C-alpha atoms as a PDB file:
ATOM      1  CA  MET A   1     -34.326  18.997  40.888  1.00  0.00           C
ATOM      2  CA  ASN A   2     -32.772  19.004  44.344  1.00  0.00           C
ATOM      3  CA  GLY A   3     -29.629  19.889  46.265  1.00  0.00           C
ATOM      4  CA  HIS A   4     -27.724  16.858  45.103  1.00  0.00           C
ATOM      5  CA  ARG A   5     -28.448  17.434  41.444  1.00  0.00           C
ATOM      6  CA  ALA A   6     -27.160  20.971  41.806  1.00  0.00           C
ATOM      7  CA  HIS A   7     -23.802  19.419  42.612  1.00  0.00           C
ATOM      8  CA  GLY A   8     -23.796  16.972  39.691  1.00  0.00           C
ATOM      9  CA  PHE A   9     -25.911  15.076  37.193  1.00  0.00           C
ATOM     10  CA  SER A  10     -27.995  12.199  38.457  1.00  0.00           C
ATOM     11  CA  SER A  11     -26.453   8.861  37.545  1.00  0.00           C
ATOM     12  CA  ALA A  12     -29.929   7.764  36.429  1.00  0.00           C
ATOM     13  CA  MET A  13     -29.126   9.586  33.211  1.00  0.00           C
ATOM     14  CA  PHE A  14     -26.320   7.222  32.229  1.00  0.00           C
ATOM     15  CA  LEU A  15     -26.259   4.173  34.547  1.00  0.00           C
ATOM     16  CA  ASP A  16     -28.738   1.287  34.550  1.00  0.00           C
ATOM     17  CA  SER A  17     -30.105   0.726  38.070  1.00  0.00           C
ATOM     18  CA  ASP A  18     -31.221  -2.813  37.252  1.00  0.00           C
ATOM     19  CA  GLU A  19     -27.736  -3.697  36.004  1.00  0.00           C
ATOM     20  CA  ILE A  20     -26.270  -2.450  39.288  1.00  0.00           C
ATOM     21  CA  LEU A  21     -28.873  -3.951  41.607  1.00  0.00           C
ATOM     22  CA  GLY A  22     -28.738  -7.255  39.769  1.00  0.00           C
ATOM     23  CA  GLU A  23     -25.156  -7.605  40.971  1.00  0.00           C
ATOM     24  CA  LEU A  24     -26.266  -7.649  44.611  1.00  0.00           C
ATOM     25  CA  ASP A  25     -28.273 -10.889  44.577  1.00  0.00           C
ATOM     26  CA  LEU A  26     -30.977  -9.457  46.813  1.00  0.00           C
ATOM     27  CA  LYS A  27     -33.414 -11.984  48.317  1.00  0.00           C
ATOM     28  CA  GLY A  28     -36.197  -9.541  49.165  1.00  0.00           C
ATOM     29  CA  ASN A  29     -35.951  -9.229  52.943  1.00  0.00           C
ATOM     30  CA  GLU A  30     -32.610  -7.531  53.528  1.00  0.00           C
ATOM     31  CA  ILE A  31     -31.777  -4.336  55.354  1.00  0.00           C
ATOM     32  CA  PHE A  32     -30.318  -2.227  52.548  1.00  0.00           C
ATOM     33  CA  MET A  33     -28.585   1.149  52.487  1.00  0.00           C
ATOM     34  CA  ASP A  34     -28.203   3.492  49.524  1.00  0.00           C
ATOM     35  CA  ALA A  35     -25.244   5.489  50.847  1.00  0.00           C
ATOM     36  CA  GLY A  36     -25.107   8.861  49.139  1.00  0.00           C
ATOM     37  CA  CYS A  37     -28.534   8.336  47.592  1.00  0.00           C
ATOM     38  CA  GLY A  38     -28.693  11.632  45.698  1.00  0.00           C
ATOM     39  CA  ASP A  39     -32.015  11.903  43.902  1.00  0.00           C
ATOM     40  CA  GLY A  40     -32.910   8.503  45.339  1.00  0.00           C
ATOM     41  CA  HIS A  41     -33.602   6.658  42.099  1.00  0.00           C
ATOM     42  CA  ASN A  42     -31.703   3.544  43.219  1.00  0.00           C
ATOM     43  CA  ALA A  43     -33.317   3.509  46.675  1.00  0.00           C
ATOM     44  CA  ILE A  44     -36.776   3.948  45.157  1.00  0.00           C
ATOM     45  CA  LYS A  45     -36.235   1.103  42.687  1.00  0.00           C
ATOM     46  CA  VAL A  46     -35.096  -1.153  45.537  1.00  0.00           C
ATOM     47  CA  VAL A  47     -38.196  -0.272  47.563  1.00  0.00           C
ATOM     48  CA  GLU A  48     -40.555  -0.800  44.642  1.00  0.00           C
ATOM     49  CA  GLU A  49     -39.045  -3.828  42.916  1.00  0.00           C
ATOM     50  CA  TYR A  50     -36.407  -5.622  44.993  1.00  0.00           C
ATOM     51  CA  LEU A  51     -37.200  -5.590  48.718  1.00  0.00           C
ATOM     52  CA  PRO A  52     -40.913  -6.177  49.360  1.00  0.00           C
ATOM     53  CA  ASP A  53     -40.120  -7.490  52.836  1.00  0.00           C
ATOM     54  CA  GLY A  54     -36.949  -5.538  53.563  1.00  0.00           C
ATOM     55  CA  THR A  55     -35.938  -2.145  54.878  1.00  0.00           C
ATOM     56  CA  VAL A  56     -34.223   0.566  52.850  1.00  0.00           C
ATOM     57  CA  TYR A  57     -32.098   3.348  54.294  1.00  0.00           C
ATOM     58  CA  ALA A  58     -31.563   6.330  51.984  1.00  0.00           C
ATOM     59  CA  VAL A  59     -28.667   8.436  53.278  1.00  0.00           C
ATOM     60  CA  ASP A  60     -27.377  11.704  51.884  1.00  0.00           C
ATOM     61  CA  ILE A  61     -25.592  14.801  53.146  1.00  0.00           C
ATOM     62  CA  TYR A  62     -27.858  17.174  51.199  1.00  0.00           C
ATOM     63  CA  ASP A  63     -31.054  18.168  52.971  1.00  0.00           C
ATOM     64  CA  ALA A  64     -32.918  18.737  49.695  1.00  0.00           C
ATOM     65  CA  SER A  65     -32.263  15.136  48.651  1.00  0.00           C
ATOM     66  CA  ILE A  66     -33.710  13.824  51.897  1.00  0.00           C
ATOM     67  CA  GLU A  67     -36.662  16.222  51.693  1.00  0.00           C
ATOM     68  CA  ASP A  68     -37.472  14.828  48.241  1.00  0.00           C
ATOM     69  CA  MET A  69     -37.219  11.271  49.562  1.00  0.00           C
ATOM     70  CA  GLU A  70     -39.565  12.133  52.437  1.00  0.00           C
ATOM     71  CA  THR A  71     -42.050  13.537  49.912  1.00  0.00           C
ATOM     72  CA  TYR A  72     -41.861  10.307  47.917  1.00  0.00           C
ATOM     73  CA  LYS A  73     -42.338   8.269  51.093  1.00  0.00           C
ATOM     74  CA  LYS A  74     -45.439  10.191  52.167  1.00  0.00           C
ATOM     75  CA  GLU A  75     -47.038  10.420  48.732  1.00  0.00           C
ATOM     76  CA  ASN A  76     -46.619   6.677  48.141  1.00  0.00           C
ATOM     77  CA  ASN A  77     -47.321   5.538  51.713  1.00  0.00           C
ATOM     78  CA  VAL A  78     -44.017   3.647  51.901  1.00  0.00           C
ATOM     79  CA  GLU A  79     -43.378   2.169  55.322  1.00  0.00           C
ATOM     80  CA  ASN A  80     -40.065   0.379  54.753  1.00  0.00           C
ATOM     81  CA  LEU A  81     -38.050   3.448  53.688  1.00  0.00           C
ATOM     82  CA  ILE A  82     -35.965   5.338  56.263  1.00  0.00           C
ATOM     83  CA  ASN A  83     -34.421   8.611  55.064  1.00  0.00           C
ATOM     84  CA  ILE A  84     -31.419  10.009  56.924  1.00  0.00           C
ATOM     85  CA  GLU A  85     -29.613  13.301  56.370  1.00  0.00           C
ATOM     86  CA  ALA A  86     -26.029  12.647  57.422  1.00  0.00           C
ATOM     87  CA  ASP A  87     -22.376  13.100  56.571  1.00  0.00           C
ATOM     88  CA  ILE A  88     -21.225   9.491  56.399  1.00  0.00           C
ATOM     89  CA  THR A  89     -17.715  10.452  57.472  1.00  0.00           C
ATOM     90  CA  GLU A  90     -19.118  11.785  60.752  1.00  0.00           C
ATOM     91  CA  GLY A  91     -21.405   8.817  61.412  1.00  0.00           C
ATOM     92  CA  ILE A  92     -24.919   7.809  60.414  1.00  0.00           C
ATOM     93  CA  PRO A  93     -27.335   8.380  63.301  1.00  0.00           C
ATOM     94  CA  GLY A  94     -30.000   5.834  64.088  1.00  0.00           C
ATOM     95  CA  VAL A  95     -28.254   2.889  62.449  1.00  0.00           C
ATOM     96  CA  ASP A  96     -27.068   0.227  64.902  1.00  0.00           C
ATOM     97  CA  ASP A  97     -23.766  -1.621  64.801  1.00  0.00           C
ATOM     98  CA  GLU A  98     -23.752  -4.648  62.480  1.00  0.00           C
ATOM     99  CA  SER A  99     -27.371  -4.112  61.414  1.00  0.00           C
ATOM    100  CA  VAL A 100     -27.191  -3.651  57.616  1.00  0.00           C
ATOM    101  CA  ASP A 101     -27.082  -6.515  55.101  1.00  0.00           C
ATOM    102  CA  VAL A 102     -26.107  -4.575  51.984  1.00  0.00           C
ATOM    103  CA  ILE A 103     -24.566  -1.131  51.484  1.00  0.00           C
ATOM    104  CA  LEU A 104     -24.530   0.293  47.965  1.00  0.00           C
ATOM    105  CA  MET A 105     -22.614   3.424  47.034  1.00  0.00           C
ATOM    106  CA  VAL A 106     -22.702   4.657  43.443  1.00  0.00           C
ATOM    107  CA  ASN A 107     -20.523   7.514  42.165  1.00  0.00           C
ATOM    108  CA  VAL A 108     -19.802   8.853  45.648  1.00  0.00           C
ATOM    109  CA  PHE A 109     -16.590   7.252  46.917  1.00  0.00           C
ATOM    110  CA  HIS A 110     -14.299   9.556  44.916  1.00  0.00           C
ATOM    111  CA  GLY A 111     -15.699  12.403  47.023  1.00  0.00           C
ATOM    112  CA  PHE A 112     -14.138  10.858  50.130  1.00  0.00           C
ATOM    113  CA  LYS A 113     -10.783  10.779  48.367  1.00  0.00           C
ATOM    114  CA  ALA A 114     -11.205  14.419  47.391  1.00  0.00           C
ATOM    115  CA  SER A 115     -12.018  15.388  50.986  1.00  0.00           C
ATOM    116  CA  ARG A 116      -9.348  13.048  52.402  1.00  0.00           C
ATOM    117  CA  LYS A 117     -11.897  11.248  54.548  1.00  0.00           C
ATOM    118  CA  ILE A 118     -11.653   7.735  53.130  1.00  0.00           C
ATOM    119  CA  ASP A 119     -10.823   6.119  56.467  1.00  0.00           C
ATOM    120  CA  GLU A 120     -13.679   7.857  58.267  1.00  0.00           C
ATOM    121  CA  ALA A 121     -16.204   6.656  55.671  1.00  0.00           C
ATOM    122  CA  ILE A 122     -14.975   3.063  55.576  1.00  0.00           C
ATOM    123  CA  SER A 123     -14.858   2.948  59.373  1.00  0.00           C
ATOM    124  CA  GLU A 124     -18.556   3.823  59.475  1.00  0.00           C
ATOM    125  CA  PHE A 125     -19.374   1.178  56.867  1.00  0.00           C
ATOM    126  CA  ALA A 126     -17.429  -1.382  58.903  1.00  0.00           C
ATOM    127  CA  ARG A 127     -19.425  -0.398  61.985  1.00  0.00           C
ATOM    128  CA  ILE A 128     -22.884  -0.836  60.497  1.00  0.00           C
ATOM    129  CA  ILE A 129     -22.422  -3.800  58.145  1.00  0.00           C
ATOM    130  CA  LYS A 130     -23.294  -7.278  59.381  1.00  0.00           C
ATOM    131  CA  GLN A 131     -20.614  -9.922  59.690  1.00  0.00           C
ATOM    132  CA  ASP A 132     -21.822 -11.583  56.495  1.00  0.00           C
ATOM    133  CA  GLY A 133     -23.046  -8.372  54.849  1.00  0.00           C
ATOM    134  CA  LYS A 134     -21.829  -6.858  51.593  1.00  0.00           C
ATOM    135  CA  ILE A 135     -20.464  -3.384  50.871  1.00  0.00           C
ATOM    136  CA  ALA A 136     -20.752  -2.625  47.142  1.00  0.00           C
ATOM    137  CA  ILE A 137     -18.893   0.367  45.735  1.00  0.00           C
ATOM    138  CA  MET A 138     -19.414   1.469  42.147  1.00  0.00           C
ATOM    139  CA  ASP A 139     -17.280   4.274  40.839  1.00  0.00           C
ATOM    140  CA  TYR A 140     -15.443   5.565  37.820  1.00  0.00           C
ATOM    141  CA  LYS A 141     -12.400   3.708  36.562  1.00  0.00           C
ATOM    142  CA  ALA A 142      -9.101   5.459  37.247  1.00  0.00           C
ATOM    143  CA  TRP A 143      -8.777   6.651  33.676  1.00  0.00           C
ATOM    144  CA  ASP A 144      -7.821  10.101  32.458  1.00  0.00           C
ATOM    145  CA  VAL A 145     -10.982  10.735  30.456  1.00  0.00           C
ATOM    146  CA  PRO A 146     -13.135  13.865  30.112  1.00  0.00           C
ATOM    147  CA  LYS A 147     -16.331  12.539  31.680  1.00  0.00           C
ATOM    148  CA  GLY A 148     -16.529  12.087  35.430  1.00  0.00           C
ATOM    149  CA  PRO A 149     -14.468  13.336  38.369  1.00  0.00           C
ATOM    150  CA  PRO A 150     -10.876  14.583  38.057  1.00  0.00           C
ATOM    151  CA  THR A 151      -8.344  11.802  37.546  1.00  0.00           C
ATOM    152  CA  PRO A 152      -6.508  12.366  40.886  1.00  0.00           C
ATOM    153  CA  VAL A 153      -9.613  11.515  42.948  1.00  0.00           C
ATOM    154  CA  ARG A 154     -10.371   8.301  41.080  1.00  0.00           C
ATOM    155  CA  SER A 155      -9.234   4.989  42.561  1.00  0.00           C
ATOM    156  CA  SER A 156      -8.335   1.699  40.929  1.00  0.00           C
ATOM    157  CA  PRO A 157      -9.811  -1.562  42.258  1.00  0.00           C
ATOM    158  CA  GLU A 158      -6.378  -2.361  43.706  1.00  0.00           C
ATOM    159  CA  GLU A 159      -6.330   0.925  45.595  1.00  0.00           C
ATOM    160  CA  MET A 160      -9.854   0.270  46.842  1.00  0.00           C
ATOM    161  CA  GLU A 161      -8.815  -3.134  48.085  1.00  0.00           C
ATOM    162  CA  GLY A 162      -6.028  -1.500  50.082  1.00  0.00           C
ATOM    163  CA  PHE A 163      -8.299   1.147  51.581  1.00  0.00           C
ATOM    164  CA  PHE A 164     -10.819  -1.431  52.828  1.00  0.00           C
ATOM    165  CA  ALA A 165      -8.244  -3.984  53.996  1.00  0.00           C
ATOM    166  CA  LYS A 166      -7.059  -1.468  56.599  1.00  0.00           C
ATOM    167  CA  HIS A 167     -10.492  -1.803  58.227  1.00  0.00           C
ATOM    168  CA  GLY A 168     -10.707  -5.594  58.199  1.00  0.00           C
ATOM    169  CA  LEU A 169     -12.770  -5.742  55.014  1.00  0.00           C
ATOM    170  CA  LYS A 170     -11.769  -8.105  52.208  1.00  0.00           C
ATOM    171  CA  LYS A 171     -12.650  -8.021  48.519  1.00  0.00           C
ATOM    172  CA  ILE A 172     -15.180 -10.709  47.592  1.00  0.00           C
ATOM    173  CA  TYR A 173     -16.190  -9.606  44.083  1.00  0.00           C
ATOM    174  CA  LEU A 174     -15.094  -7.348  41.231  1.00  0.00           C
ATOM    175  CA  ASN A 175     -16.854  -6.501  37.970  1.00  0.00           C
ATOM    176  CA  GLU A 176     -14.885  -4.239  35.644  1.00  0.00           C
ATOM    177  CA  ASP A 177     -17.351  -4.532  32.773  1.00  0.00           C
ATOM    178  CA  ILE A 178     -20.190  -2.343  33.986  1.00  0.00           C
ATOM    179  CA  GLY A 179     -21.492   1.161  33.507  1.00  0.00           C
ATOM    180  CA  GLU A 180     -21.731   3.448  30.519  1.00  0.00           C
ATOM    181  CA  ASP A 181     -20.182   2.684  27.136  1.00  0.00           C
ATOM    182  CA  ILE A 182     -17.487   5.256  26.423  1.00  0.00           C
ATOM    183  CA  PRO A 183     -14.777   5.173  23.717  1.00  0.00           C
ATOM    184  CA  GLU A 184     -12.277   3.652  26.160  1.00  0.00           C
ATOM    185  CA  GLY A 185     -14.667   0.840  27.229  1.00  0.00           C
ATOM    186  CA  LYS A 186     -17.028   0.528  30.196  1.00  0.00           C
ATOM    187  CA  SER A 187     -16.896   3.625  32.389  1.00  0.00           C
ATOM    188  CA  HIS A 188     -17.158   2.010  35.838  1.00  0.00           C
ATOM    189  CA  TYR A 189     -16.327  -0.941  38.010  1.00  0.00           C
ATOM    190  CA  LEU A 190     -18.221  -2.470  40.922  1.00  0.00           C
ATOM    191  CA  ILE A 191     -16.311  -3.959  43.824  1.00  0.00           C
ATOM    192  CA  MET A 192     -17.698  -5.670  46.927  1.00  0.00           C
ATOM    193  CA  PHE A 193     -16.244  -6.136  50.388  1.00  0.00           C
ATOM    194  CA  GLN A 194     -17.092  -8.233  53.405  1.00  0.00           C
ATOM    195  CA  LYS A 195     -15.762  -8.435  56.944  1.00  0.00           C
ATOM    196  CA  GLU A 196     -12.880 -10.807  57.488  1.00  0.00           C
ATOM    197  CA  LEU A 197     -14.125 -13.844  59.358  1.00  0.00           C
ATOM    198  CA  LEU A 198     -13.046 -13.891  62.970  1.00  0.00           C
ATOM    199  CA  ILE A 199     -11.746 -17.342  63.816  1.00  0.00           C
ATOM    200  CA  PRO A 200     -12.095 -18.196  67.522  1.00  0.00           C
ATOM    201  CA  VAL A 201      -8.824 -18.980  69.241  1.00  0.00           C
END
């Protein structure tokens, strides 16, 4: 359908958006970012069903993905959707420091491991997330199974915790029983991080 799908199947085909978004405890007025939005199905569902009074950023590196999101925005007269073509590891233009309440990234983080740009990506998340905001990462379990990315680029929750801790972000939640049913169990996990509280001296 678009540039992102040419690089891989849309997760809409095997992951339940409502199951994922239900984990985020959205109130309806947050500033939300779908980081690596792909075909935009999660961002669109958030706009239509979860954030009537919020703002949604849809960010992707592929221009075709953002073009499709712009078409959706215009055809549906959506005012609270902001589409941004950007490489997260090089910075997301137009998004202020500590301005986002919730960042969601589904099936994208392993790409940073493959490109060896984990620190650059997390540094950008740490820049834009609010002090009490949540960064939710959903990705494949670090299993050697046929479906999904190569085993070497997968990360365990413990590895994730280490990656984010280097940037002052602590684990606040972990669900290892989520995703697609495969013979080995549930295919994914969802882990959330928040900034460490700064205690005044």
